[in-house]
Amino acid sequence: MNSTNKNFFSIGIILVAIFMRSMDAVTSGENKPLRDKQEALAWFVKTGECKKCDLSGLDLRQAIQAIRANANIAQINLKNANLCSTDMRDTDLSKANLSKTQLSGARLDGTKLQDAKLDGAWGERVNFDGANLSGASLQPVWLRNSSMVGAQCIGTKFGKKRITVKG
């Protein structure tokens, strides 16, 4: 790892620690709804789960790296989340639950999505170029003006349900 990557990673870890500390104060013993994107991001980093949360417009690459480094989190769950315009390029979302997510403008190019669940996901201008969707479930999805150039789809479950890819 060169010095630039070390600095990038260190800054990411510091931000994650700050978010986690702020999240502890908000959620300790209470089931309050998340008030803003920063709280949602902190909860996501802490638990690997962010159902129905709004993470739109955020760069989630460092958060996903931090979650994957946490051995206590088995699977990422973003069911029903708003992931519009998020940057998740080159991350590992294998076995993640992305069912019914809003993906308009999301960057998923080069992302590992093996065995991920994207049932009911939808969006426009979603970039899956070079992504690995092997074994993933996309039954049904709605993607308009989206790209899957060079995506691996070995064993991808398109099933009997409808998939719509326009572009």
Foldseek 3Di string as FASTA:
>chain_A
DDPVVVVVLVVLVVLLVVLLVVLCVVPVVDDDDDDDLSVQLNVCLVALERELEENEQEACQSSLVSNVVDPVHDAHEHHNYEHELYENDLGERDQHEQDLYEHANYEHDNYEHALYEHDNYEYEQYEPDLYEDDNYEPAEYYYEPYDHHNYHHHNYHPDPHDYHYYD
